[in-house]
Amino acid sequence: MIRTMLEYKCEWYDKKLIVVNPFKTSQYCAECGYDDGKHELDIRQWVCPNCHSNNDRDINASKNILNKGLEQTLVI
């Protein structure tokens, strides 16, 4: 329902809605792309073993979703 409303509003204002699959966005390091594997939901922060960046689960996922969305706009 929300997506339908967003599509309608985007069409109304001549904007484009970019839909991103959130699969594994909290598991990939937003800094280097390393896949740290599945974490239980109670793990809210983790340190990337590859680049040693400290990742907050939600902020890391939002960065990955933004990057995926930006990649899609470049392809289209």
N, C-alpha and C. Protein backbone atom coordinates (compact mmCIF):
# COMPACT_ATOMS: atom_id res chain seq x y z
N MET A 1 0.81 -1.19 0.00
CA MET A 1 0.00 0.00 0.00
C MET A 1 0.87 1.26 0.00
N ILE A 2 1.90 1.29 0.85
CA ILE A 2 2.78 2.46 0.91
C ILE A 2 3.51 2.64 -0.41
N ARG A 3 3.97 1.54 -0.98
CA ARG A 3 4.68 1.63 -2.25
C ARG A 3 3.77 2.18 -3.35
N THR A 4 2.52 1.76 -3.38
CA THR A 4 1.57 2.27 -4.36
C THR A 4 1.38 3.77 -4.20
N MET A 5 1.30 4.22 -2.95
CA MET A 5 1.16 5.64 -2.70
C MET A 5 2.40 6.41 -3.12
N LEU A 6 3.57 5.86 -2.84
CA LEU A 6 4.82 6.50 -3.26
C LEU A 6 4.93 6.58 -4.78
N GLU A 7 4.55 5.50 -5.46
CA GLU A 7 4.58 5.50 -6.92
C GLU A 7 3.66 6.58 -7.48
N TYR A 8 2.48 6.70 -6.90
CA TYR A 8 1.52 7.70 -7.33
C TYR A 8 2.09 9.12 -7.14
N LYS A 9 2.64 9.38 -5.95
CA LYS A 9 3.19 10.71 -5.66
C LYS A 9 4.39 11.02 -6.55
N CYS A 10 5.22 10.03 -6.79
CA CYS A 10 6.37 10.25 -7.67
C CYS A 10 5.91 10.59 -9.09
N GLU A 11 4.90 9.90 -9.55
CA GLU A 11 4.36 10.18 -10.88
C GLU A 11 3.75 11.59 -10.91
N TRP A 12 3.05 11.94 -9.85
CA TRP A 12 2.40 13.24 -9.75
C TRP A 12 3.42 14.38 -9.83
N TYR A 13 4.57 14.20 -9.15
CA TYR A 13 5.60 15.25 -9.11
C TYR A 13 6.73 15.01 -10.11
N ASP A 14 6.50 14.10 -11.06
CA ASP A 14 7.48 13.79 -12.10
C ASP A 14 8.83 13.37 -11.51
N LYS A 15 8.77 12.48 -10.54
CA LYS A 15 9.96 11.92 -9.89
C LYS A 15 10.02 10.43 -10.16
N LYS A 16 11.16 9.83 -9.87
CA LYS A 16 11.32 8.40 -10.09
C LYS A 16 11.53 7.71 -8.75
N LEU A 17 10.76 6.67 -8.50
CA LEU A 17 10.91 5.87 -7.30
C LEU A 17 11.89 4.75 -7.58
N ILE A 18 12.92 4.67 -6.79
CA ILE A 18 13.92 3.61 -6.95
C ILE A 18 13.74 2.63 -5.79
N VAL A 19 13.44 1.39 -6.10
CA VAL A 19 13.20 0.36 -5.10
C VAL A 19 14.48 -0.48 -4.98
N VAL A 20 14.96 -0.63 -3.76
CA VAL A 20 16.19 -1.36 -3.49
C VAL A 20 15.86 -2.59 -2.64
N ASN A 21 16.39 -3.73 -3.05
CA ASN A 21 16.24 -4.95 -2.26
C ASN A 21 17.17 -4.84 -1.04
N PRO A 22 16.63 -4.88 0.19
CA PRO A 22 17.45 -4.71 1.38
C PRO A 22 18.21 -5.97 1.80
N PHE A 23 18.20 -7.01 0.99
CA PHE A 23 18.83 -8.29 1.34
C PHE A 23 20.30 -8.09 1.68
N LYS A 24 20.69 -8.50 2.88
CA LYS A 24 22.06 -8.50 3.40
C LYS A 24 22.70 -7.12 3.51
N THR A 25 21.92 -6.06 3.49
CA THR A 25 22.51 -4.73 3.56
C THR A 25 23.15 -4.43 4.91
N SER A 26 22.74 -5.12 5.96
CA SER A 26 23.37 -4.90 7.27
C SER A 26 24.59 -5.80 7.46
N GLN A 27 24.84 -6.71 6.53
CA GLN A 27 25.95 -7.65 6.67
C GLN A 27 27.18 -7.25 5.88
N TYR A 28 26.98 -6.50 4.80
CA TYR A 28 28.12 -6.04 4.01
C TYR A 28 28.66 -4.76 4.63
N CYS A 29 29.98 -4.66 4.75
CA CYS A 29 30.60 -3.45 5.26
C CYS A 29 30.43 -2.35 4.21
N ALA A 30 29.89 -1.21 4.61
CA ALA A 30 29.66 -0.10 3.69
C ALA A 30 30.97 0.55 3.25
N GLU A 31 32.03 0.33 4.00
CA GLU A 31 33.33 0.93 3.66
C GLU A 31 34.09 0.12 2.62
N CYS A 32 34.14 -1.20 2.80
CA CYS A 32 34.98 -2.02 1.90
C CYS A 32 34.21 -3.11 1.16
N GLY A 33 32.94 -3.36 1.53
CA GLY A 33 32.14 -4.37 0.85
C GLY A 33 32.30 -5.78 1.39
N TYR A 34 33.06 -5.95 2.44
CA TYR A 34 33.28 -7.29 3.02
C TYR A 34 31.97 -7.86 3.57
N ASP A 35 31.70 -9.13 3.27
CA ASP A 35 30.51 -9.82 3.78
C ASP A 35 30.87 -10.50 5.09
N ASP A 36 30.38 -9.96 6.19
CA ASP A 36 30.70 -10.49 7.52
C ASP A 36 29.75 -11.60 7.94
N GLY A 37 28.82 -11.98 7.10
CA GLY A 37 27.92 -13.08 7.43
C GLY A 37 26.77 -12.63 8.30
N LYS A 38 25.92 -13.59 8.61
CA LYS A 38 24.70 -13.30 9.36
C LYS A 38 25.00 -13.01 10.82
N HIS A 39 24.37 -11.95 11.33
CA HIS A 39 24.45 -11.61 12.75
C HIS A 39 23.06 -11.77 13.35
N GLU A 40 23.01 -12.19 14.58
CA GLU A 40 21.74 -12.22 15.28
C GLU A 40 21.24 -10.79 15.47
N LEU A 41 19.94 -10.61 15.64
CA LEU A 41 19.37 -9.27 15.73
C LEU A 41 19.85 -8.49 16.95
N ASP A 42 20.33 -9.19 17.98
CA ASP A 42 20.81 -8.47 19.16
C ASP A 42 22.21 -7.89 18.96
N ILE A 43 22.89 -8.25 17.87
CA ILE A 43 24.19 -7.67 17.54
C ILE A 43 23.91 -6.36 16.81
N ARG A 44 24.11 -5.23 17.50
CA ARG A 44 23.79 -3.91 16.94
C ARG A 44 25.01 -3.24 16.31
N GLN A 45 26.21 -3.64 16.73
CA GLN A 45 27.44 -3.09 16.17
C GLN A 45 28.41 -4.22 15.92
N TRP A 46 29.26 -4.04 14.90
CA TRP A 46 30.30 -5.01 14.61
C TRP A 46 31.48 -4.32 13.95
N VAL A 47 32.64 -4.90 14.12
CA VAL A 47 33.87 -4.36 13.53
C VAL A 47 34.22 -5.22 12.33
N CYS A 48 34.45 -4.58 11.20
CA CYS A 48 34.79 -5.30 9.98
C CYS A 48 36.17 -5.92 10.13
N PRO A 49 36.30 -7.24 9.93
CA PRO A 49 37.61 -7.87 10.06
C PRO A 49 38.54 -7.51 8.89
N ASN A 50 37.99 -6.96 7.82
CA ASN A 50 38.80 -6.61 6.66
C ASN A 50 39.41 -5.20 6.77
N CYS A 51 38.56 -4.20 7.03
CA CYS A 51 39.06 -2.82 7.06
C CYS A 51 39.03 -2.20 8.46
N HIS A 52 38.52 -2.94 9.43
CA HIS A 52 38.47 -2.56 10.84
C HIS A 52 37.59 -1.35 11.13
N SER A 53 36.64 -1.06 10.26
CA SER A 53 35.71 0.04 10.55
C SER A 53 34.63 -0.46 11.52
N ASN A 54 34.22 0.43 12.41
CA ASN A 54 33.19 0.10 13.38
C ASN A 54 31.83 0.38 12.74
N ASN A 55 30.98 -0.62 12.63
CA ASN A 55 29.71 -0.49 11.92
C ASN A 55 28.53 -0.64 12.85
N ASP A 56 27.70 0.39 12.91
CA ASP A 56 26.40 0.29 13.53
C ASP A 56 25.49 -0.41 12.52
N ARG A 57 24.77 -1.41 12.94
CA ARG A 57 23.98 -2.23 12.02
C ARG A 57 23.03 -1.40 11.14
N ASP A 58 22.27 -0.48 11.75
CA ASP A 58 21.28 0.29 11.00
C ASP A 58 21.92 1.34 10.09
N ILE A 59 22.92 2.02 10.60
CA ILE A 59 23.60 3.04 9.79
C ILE A 59 24.33 2.38 8.62
N ASN A 60 24.97 1.25 8.88
CA ASN A 60 25.66 0.52 7.81
C ASN A 60 24.67 0.09 6.74
N ALA A 61 23.51 -0.43 7.15
CA ALA A 61 22.50 -0.86 6.18
C ALA A 61 21.99 0.32 5.37
N SER A 62 21.79 1.47 6.02
CA SER A 62 21.28 2.64 5.29
C SER A 62 22.30 3.13 4.27
N LYS A 63 23.58 3.07 4.60
CA LYS A 63 24.62 3.45 3.64
C LYS A 63 24.63 2.50 2.45
N ASN A 64 24.49 1.21 2.72
CA ASN A 64 24.47 0.22 1.63
C ASN A 64 23.23 0.39 0.74
N ILE A 65 22.08 0.69 1.35
CA ILE A 65 20.86 0.92 0.57
C ILE A 65 21.02 2.17 -0.30
N LEU A 66 21.59 3.22 0.26
CA LEU A 66 21.83 4.44 -0.52
C LEU A 66 22.75 4.14 -1.70
N ASN A 67 23.83 3.42 -1.45
CA ASN A 67 24.78 3.08 -2.52
C ASN A 67 24.12 2.24 -3.62
N LYS A 68 23.29 1.28 -3.22
CA LYS A 68 22.58 0.46 -4.21
C LYS A 68 21.64 1.33 -5.04
N GLY A 69 20.94 2.25 -4.39
CA GLY A 69 20.04 3.14 -5.11
C GLY A 69 20.78 4.04 -6.08
N LEU A 70 21.93 4.56 -5.66
CA LEU A 70 22.73 5.41 -6.54
C LEU A 70 23.27 4.61 -7.73
N GLU A 71 23.65 3.36 -7.50
CA GLU A 71 24.12 2.51 -8.60
C GLU A 71 23.01 2.29 -9.61
N GLN A 72 21.78 2.11 -9.13
CA GLN A 72 20.65 1.87 -10.04
C GLN A 72 20.36 3.12 -10.87
N THR A 73 20.55 4.30 -10.30
CA THR A 73 20.27 5.51 -11.08
C THR A 73 21.30 5.70 -12.17
N LEU A 74 22.52 5.24 -11.95
CA LEU A 74 23.56 5.36 -12.97
C LEU A 74 23.33 4.40 -14.12
N VAL A 75 22.74 3.24 -13.82
CA VAL A 75 22.50 2.21 -14.83
C VAL A 75 21.32 2.59 -15.71
N ILE A 76 20.32 3.22 -15.12
CA ILE A 76 19.07 3.53 -15.85
C ILE A 76 19.25 4.62 -16.84
